[in-house]
């Protein structure tokens, strides 16, 4: 899975589980796998890059605290 494929998965994960927004890439690695977003563990560097892209418009769709 590449960064472009991870961005929609991370956005979906954040919208369904907003409590995961503050997780580190190494924590998201297992969350993405366990929740079925990926078929295998994805590298932390790819996750970190996808998180940065996914968070680019985060304030627009983040639920109010």
PDB file of N, CA and C in Angstrom:
ATOM      1  N   UNK A   1       0.858  -1.171   0.000  1.00  0.00           N
ATOM      2  CA  UNK A   1       0.000   0.000   0.000  1.00  0.00           C
ATOM      3  C   UNK A   1       0.898   1.226   0.000  1.00  0.00           C
ATOM      4  N   UNK A   2       0.556   2.206  -0.843  1.00  0.00           N
ATOM      5  CA  UNK A   2       1.378   3.417  -0.908  1.00  0.00           C
ATOM      6  C   UNK A   2       0.676   4.575  -0.201  1.00  0.00           C
ATOM      7  N   UNK A   3       1.347   5.703  -0.156  1.00  0.00           N
ATOM      8  CA  UNK A   3       0.840   6.873   0.571  1.00  0.00           C
ATOM      9  C   UNK A   3      -0.497   7.326   0.006  1.00  0.00           C
ATOM     10  N   UNK A   4      -0.626   7.332  -1.313  1.00  0.00           N
ATOM     11  CA  UNK A   4      -1.877   7.777  -1.936  1.00  0.00           C
ATOM     12  C   UNK A   4      -3.053   6.891  -1.537  1.00  0.00           C
ATOM     13  N   UNK A   5      -2.811   5.619  -1.337  1.00  0.00           N
ATOM     14  CA  UNK A   5      -3.871   4.702  -0.907  1.00  0.00           C
ATOM     15  C   UNK A   5      -4.152   4.824   0.591  1.00  0.00           C
ATOM     16  N   UNK A   6      -3.154   5.246   1.346  1.00  0.00           N
ATOM     17  CA  UNK A   6      -3.323   5.371   2.787  1.00  0.00           C
ATOM     18  C   UNK A   6      -4.109   6.608   3.205  1.00  0.00           C
ATOM     19  N   UNK A   7      -4.012   7.687   2.442  1.00  0.00           N
ATOM     20  CA  UNK A   7      -4.673   8.941   2.828  1.00  0.00           C
ATOM     21  C   UNK A   7      -6.181   8.743   3.012  1.00  0.00           C
ATOM     22  N   UNK A   8      -6.898   8.150   2.041  1.00  0.00           N
ATOM     23  CA  UNK A   8      -8.338   7.952   2.262  1.00  0.00           C
ATOM     24  C   UNK A   8      -8.634   7.018   3.443  1.00  0.00           C
ATOM     25  N   UNK A   9      -7.773   6.024   3.643  1.00  0.00           N
ATOM     26  CA  UNK A   9      -7.963   5.110   4.768  1.00  0.00           C
ATOM     27  C   UNK A   9      -7.807   5.841   6.099  1.00  0.00           C
ATOM     28  N   UNK A  10      -6.811   6.702   6.180  1.00  0.00           N
ATOM     29  CA  UNK A  10      -6.580   7.450   7.418  1.00  0.00           C
ATOM     30  C   UNK A  10      -7.697   8.460   7.647  1.00  0.00           C
ATOM     31  N   UNK A  11      -8.158   9.109   6.592  1.00  0.00           N
ATOM     32  CA  UNK A  11      -9.278  10.041   6.742  1.00  0.00           C
ATOM     33  C   UNK A  11     -10.525   9.315   7.235  1.00  0.00           C
ATOM     34  N   UNK A  12     -10.771   8.138   6.688  1.00  0.00           N
ATOM     35  CA  UNK A  12     -11.921   7.352   7.127  1.00  0.00           C
ATOM     36  C   UNK A  12     -11.755   6.920   8.581  1.00  0.00           C
ATOM     37  N   UNK A  13     -10.555   6.482   8.925  1.00  0.00           N
ATOM     38  CA  UNK A  13     -10.273   6.085  10.303  1.00  0.00           C
ATOM     39  C   UNK A  13     -10.517   7.252  11.257  1.00  0.00           C
ATOM     40  N   UNK A  14     -10.028   8.423  10.904  1.00  0.00           N
ATOM     41  CA  UNK A  14     -10.217   9.606  11.747  1.00  0.00           C
ATOM     42  C   UNK A  14     -11.689   9.991  11.873  1.00  0.00           C
ATOM     43  N   UNK A  15     -12.448   9.852  10.783  1.00  0.00           N
ATOM     44  CA  UNK A  15     -13.859  10.227  10.858  1.00  0.00           C
ATOM     45  C   UNK A  15     -14.661   9.228  11.690  1.00  0.00           C
ATOM     46  N   UNK A  16     -14.294   7.962  11.627  1.00  0.00           N
ATOM     47  CA  UNK A  16     -15.002   6.943  12.408  1.00  0.00           C
ATOM     48  C   UNK A  16     -14.509   6.854  13.850  1.00  0.00           C
ATOM     49  N   UNK A  17     -13.245   7.152  14.058  1.00  0.00           N
ATOM     50  CA  UNK A  17     -12.621   7.039  15.383  1.00  0.00           C
ATOM     51  C   UNK A  17     -11.791   8.302  15.658  1.00  0.00           C
ATOM     52  N   UNK A  18     -12.440   9.435  15.946  1.00  0.00           N
ATOM     53  CA  UNK A  18     -11.692  10.685  16.146  1.00  0.00           C
ATOM     54  C   UNK A  18     -10.680  10.622  17.281  1.00  0.00           C
ATOM     55  N   UNK A  19     -10.856   9.694  18.195  1.00  0.00           N
ATOM     56  CA  UNK A  19      -9.901   9.561  19.288  1.00  0.00           C
ATOM     57  C   UNK A  19      -8.529   9.096  18.797  1.00  0.00           C
ATOM     58  N   UNK A  20      -8.455   8.597  17.577  1.00  0.00           N
ATOM     59  CA  UNK A  20      -7.186   8.115  17.031  1.00  0.00           C
ATOM     60  C   UNK A  20      -6.381   9.214  16.349  1.00  0.00           C
ATOM     61  N   UNK A  21      -6.916  10.412  16.310  1.00  0.00           N
ATOM     62  CA  UNK A  21      -6.247  11.513  15.615  1.00  0.00           C
ATOM     63  C   UNK A  21      -4.866  11.805  16.179  1.00  0.00           C
ATOM     64  N   UNK A  22      -4.678  11.632  17.457  1.00  0.00           N
ATOM     65  CA  UNK A  22      -3.407  11.979  18.085  1.00  0.00           C
ATOM     66  C   UNK A  22      -2.431  10.810  18.202  1.00  0.00           C
ATOM     67  N   UNK A  23      -2.745   9.676  17.597  1.00  0.00           N
ATOM     68  CA  UNK A  23      -1.840   8.527  17.666  1.00  0.00           C
ATOM     69  C   UNK A  23      -0.602   8.763  16.814  1.00  0.00           C
ATOM     70  N   UNK A  24       0.486   8.192  17.247  1.00  0.00           N
ATOM     71  CA  UNK A  24       1.746   8.241  16.501  1.00  0.00           C
ATOM     72  C   UNK A  24       1.689   7.220  15.357  1.00  0.00           C
ATOM     73  N   UNK A  25       2.524   7.397  14.309  1.00  0.00           N
ATOM     74  CA  UNK A  25       2.512   6.445  13.192  1.00  0.00           C
ATOM     75  C   UNK A  25       2.689   4.989  13.620  1.00  0.00           C
ATOM     76  N   UNK A  26       3.531   4.726  14.614  1.00  0.00           N
ATOM     77  CA  UNK A  26       3.732   3.339  15.041  1.00  0.00           C
ATOM     78  C   UNK A  26       2.471   2.788  15.702  1.00  0.00           C
ATOM     79  N   UNK A  27       1.651   3.655  16.286  1.00  0.00           N
ATOM     80  CA  UNK A  27       0.387   3.210  16.871  1.00  0.00           C
ATOM     81  C   UNK A  27      -0.675   3.020  15.788  1.00  0.00           C
ATOM     82  N   UNK A  28      -0.664   3.894  14.795  1.00  0.00           N
ATOM     83  CA  UNK A  28      -1.604   3.770  13.686  1.00  0.00           C
ATOM     84  C   UNK A  28      -1.323   2.531  12.848  1.00  0.00           C
ATOM     85  N   UNK A  29      -0.077   2.117  12.816  1.00  0.00           N
ATOM     86  CA  UNK A  29       0.324   0.953  12.039  1.00  0.00           C
ATOM     87  C   UNK A  29      -0.527  -0.258  12.410  1.00  0.00           C
ATOM     88  N   UNK A  30      -0.626  -0.553  13.684  1.00  0.00           N
ATOM     89  CA  UNK A  30      -1.411  -1.710  14.111  1.00  0.00           C
ATOM     90  C   UNK A  30      -2.905  -1.431  14.046  1.00  0.00           C
ATOM     91  N   UNK A  31      -3.325  -0.184  14.318  1.00  0.00           N
ATOM     92  CA  UNK A  31      -4.753   0.149  14.253  1.00  0.00           C
ATOM     93  C   UNK A  31      -5.282  -0.044  12.834  1.00  0.00           C
ATOM     94  N   UNK A  32      -4.537   0.424  11.844  1.00  0.00           N
ATOM     95  CA  UNK A  32      -4.958   0.260  10.454  1.00  0.00           C
ATOM     96  C   UNK A  32      -5.069  -1.213  10.079  1.00  0.00           C
ATOM     97  N   UNK A  33      -4.146  -2.010  10.557  1.00  0.00           N
ATOM     98  CA  UNK A  33      -4.163  -3.435  10.257  1.00  0.00           C
ATOM     99  C   UNK A  33      -5.303  -4.142  10.989  1.00  0.00           C
ATOM    100  N   UNK A  34      -5.427  -3.897  12.281  1.00  0.00           N
ATOM    101  CA  UNK A  34      -6.445  -4.583  13.081  1.00  0.00           C
ATOM    102  C   UNK A  34      -7.871  -4.218  12.675  1.00  0.00           C
ATOM    103  N   UNK A  35      -8.070  -2.995  12.215  1.00  0.00           N
ATOM    104  CA  UNK A  35      -9.414  -2.572  11.805  1.00  0.00           C
ATOM    105  C   UNK A  35      -9.705  -2.875  10.339  1.00  0.00           C
ATOM    106  N   UNK A  36      -8.778  -3.524   9.654  1.00  0.00           N
ATOM    107  CA  UNK A  36      -9.008  -3.977   8.292  1.00  0.00           C
ATOM    108  C   UNK A  36      -8.779  -2.946   7.200  1.00  0.00           C
ATOM    109  N   UNK A  37      -8.116  -1.852   7.517  1.00  0.00           N
ATOM    110  CA  UNK A  37      -7.821  -0.856   6.490  1.00  0.00           C
ATOM    111  C   UNK A  37      -6.661  -1.296   5.603  1.00  0.00           C
ATOM    112  N   UNK A  38      -5.788  -2.148   6.123  1.00  0.00           N
ATOM    113  CA  UNK A  38      -4.659  -2.666   5.348  1.00  0.00           C
ATOM    114  C   UNK A  38      -4.609  -4.175   5.505  1.00  0.00           C
ATOM    115  N   UNK A  39      -4.023  -4.828   4.518  1.00  0.00           N
ATOM    116  CA  UNK A  39      -3.894  -6.281   4.559  1.00  0.00           C
ATOM    117  C   UNK A  39      -2.626  -6.729   5.272  1.00  0.00           C
ATOM    118  N   UNK A  40      -1.698  -5.811   5.465  1.00  0.00           N
ATOM    119  CA  UNK A  40      -0.420  -6.109   6.095  1.00  0.00           C
ATOM    120  C   UNK A  40       0.035  -4.853   6.831  1.00  0.00           C
ATOM    121  N   UNK A  41       0.997  -4.998   7.697  1.00  0.00           N
ATOM    122  CA  UNK A  41       1.524  -3.829   8.403  1.00  0.00           C
ATOM    123  C   UNK A  41       2.263  -2.938   7.414  1.00  0.00           C
ATOM    124  N   UNK A  42       1.922  -1.672   7.414  1.00  0.00           N
ATOM    125  CA  UNK A  42       2.534  -0.690   6.516  1.00  0.00           C
ATOM    126  C   UNK A  42       3.648   0.011   7.275  1.00  0.00           C
ATOM    127  N   UNK A  43       4.680   0.413   6.578  1.00  0.00           N
ATOM    128  CA  UNK A  43       5.811   1.083   7.209  1.00  0.00           C
ATOM    129  C   UNK A  43       5.424   2.404   7.862  1.00  0.00           C
ATOM    130  N   UNK A  44       6.110   2.713   8.948  1.00  0.00           N
ATOM    131  CA  UNK A  44       5.825   3.944   9.689  1.00  0.00           C
ATOM    132  C   UNK A  44       6.061   5.186   8.847  1.00  0.00           C
ATOM    133  N   UNK A  45       7.055   5.174   7.987  1.00  0.00           N
ATOM    134  CA  UNK A  45       7.349   6.347   7.152  1.00  0.00           C
ATOM    135  C   UNK A  45       6.190   6.633   6.197  1.00  0.00           C
ATOM    136  N   UNK A  46       5.612   5.591   5.610  1.00  0.00           N
ATOM    137  CA  UNK A  46       4.473   5.767   4.719  1.00  0.00           C
ATOM    138  C   UNK A  46       3.268   6.295   5.490  1.00  0.00           C
ATOM    139  N   UNK A  47       3.065   5.774   6.687  1.00  0.00           N
ATOM    140  CA  UNK A  47       1.949   6.226   7.513  1.00  0.00           C
ATOM    141  C   UNK A  47       2.147   7.687   7.910  1.00  0.00           C
ATOM    142  N   UNK A  48       3.351   8.050   8.307  1.00  0.00           N
ATOM    143  CA  UNK A  48       3.633   9.433   8.706  1.00  0.00           C
ATOM    144  C   UNK A  48       3.369  10.389   7.545  1.00  0.00           C
ATOM    145  N   UNK A  49       3.785  10.032   6.341  1.00  0.00           N
ATOM    146  CA  UNK A  49       3.551  10.885   5.172  1.00  0.00           C
ATOM    147  C   UNK A  49       2.061  10.997   4.872  1.00  0.00           C
ATOM    148  N   UNK A  50       1.337   9.888   4.966  1.00  0.00           N
ATOM    149  CA  UNK A  50      -0.098   9.904   4.710  1.00  0.00           C
ATOM    150  C   UNK A  50      -0.846  10.705   5.766  1.00  0.00           C
ATOM    151  N   UNK A  51      -0.407  10.630   7.011  1.00  0.00           N
ATOM    152  CA  UNK A  51      -1.037  11.402   8.080  1.00  0.00           C
ATOM    153  C   UNK A  51      -0.887  12.890   7.807  1.00  0.00           C
ATOM    154  N   UNK A  52       0.289  13.316   7.385  1.00  0.00           N
ATOM    155  CA  UNK A  52       0.503  14.734   7.082  1.00  0.00           C
ATOM    156  C   UNK A  52      -0.421  15.193   5.957  1.00  0.00           C
ATOM    157  N   UNK A  53      -0.588  14.363   4.945  1.00  0.00           N
ATOM    158  CA  UNK A  53      -1.485  14.712   3.843  1.00  0.00           C
ATOM    159  C   UNK A  53      -2.936  14.700   4.311  1.00  0.00           C
ATOM    160  N   UNK A  54      -3.304  13.719   5.115  1.00  0.00           N
ATOM    161  CA  UNK A  54      -4.684  13.614   5.594  1.00  0.00           C
ATOM    162  C   UNK A  54      -5.033  14.752   6.538  1.00  0.00           C
ATOM    163  N   UNK A  55      -4.081  15.210   7.301  1.00  0.00           N
ATOM    164  CA  UNK A  55      -4.330  16.301   8.243  1.00  0.00           C
ATOM    165  C   UNK A  55      -4.328  17.662   7.565  1.00  0.00           C
ATOM    166  N   UNK A  56      -3.988  17.712   6.299  1.00  0.00           N
ATOM    167  CA  UNK A  56      -3.953  18.981   5.578  1.00  0.00           C
ATOM    168  C   UNK A  56      -5.267  19.732   5.639  1.00  0.00           C
ATOM    169  N   UNK A  57      -6.396  19.016   5.571  1.00  0.00           N
ATOM    170  CA  UNK A  57      -7.696  19.677   5.651  1.00  0.00           C
ATOM    171  C   UNK A  57      -8.450  19.267   6.913  1.00  0.00           C
ATOM    172  N   UNK A  58      -7.734  18.739   7.884  1.00  0.00           N
ATOM    173  CA  UNK A  58      -8.364  18.234   9.115  1.00  0.00           C
ATOM    174  C   UNK A  58      -9.234  19.253   9.833  1.00  0.00           C
ATOM    175  N   UNK A  59      -8.813  20.494  10.018  1.00  0.00           N
ATOM    176  CA  UNK A  59      -9.668  21.438  10.776  1.00  0.00           C
ATOM    177  C   UNK A  59     -11.038  21.623  10.142  1.00  0.00           C
ATOM    178  N   UNK A  60     -11.170  21.385   8.847  1.00  0.00           N
ATOM    179  CA  UNK A  60     -12.449  21.558   8.169  1.00  0.00           C
ATOM    180  C   UNK A  60     -13.439  20.460   8.508  1.00  0.00           C
ATOM    181  N   UNK A  61     -12.967  19.260   8.793  1.00  0.00           N
ATOM    182  CA  UNK A  61     -13.896  18.160   9.036  1.00  0.00           C
ATOM    183  C   UNK A  61     -13.733  17.509  10.389  1.00  0.00           C
ATOM    184  N   UNK A  62     -12.898  18.079  11.233  1.00  0.00           N
ATOM    185  CA  UNK A  62     -12.733  17.539  12.583  1.00  0.00           C
ATOM    186  C   UNK A  62     -13.944  17.902  13.446  1.00  0.00           C
ATOM    187  N   UNK A  63     -14.484  16.940  14.174  1.00  0.00           N
ATOM    188  CA  UNK A  63     -15.626  17.238  15.038  1.00  0.00           C
ATOM    189  C   UNK A  63     -15.251  18.258  16.096  1.00  0.00           C
ATOM    190  N   UNK A  64     -16.200  19.083  16.451  1.00  0.00           N
ATOM    191  CA  UNK A  64     -15.958  20.095  17.486  1.00  0.00           C
ATOM    192  C   UNK A  64     -15.676  19.422  18.816  1.00  0.00           C
ATOM    193  N   UNK A  65     -14.704  19.944  19.527  1.00  0.00           N
ATOM    194  CA  UNK A  65     -14.320  19.347  20.813  1.00  0.00           C
ATOM    195  C   UNK A  65     -15.245  19.790  21.921  1.00  0.00           C
TER     196      UNK A  65
END
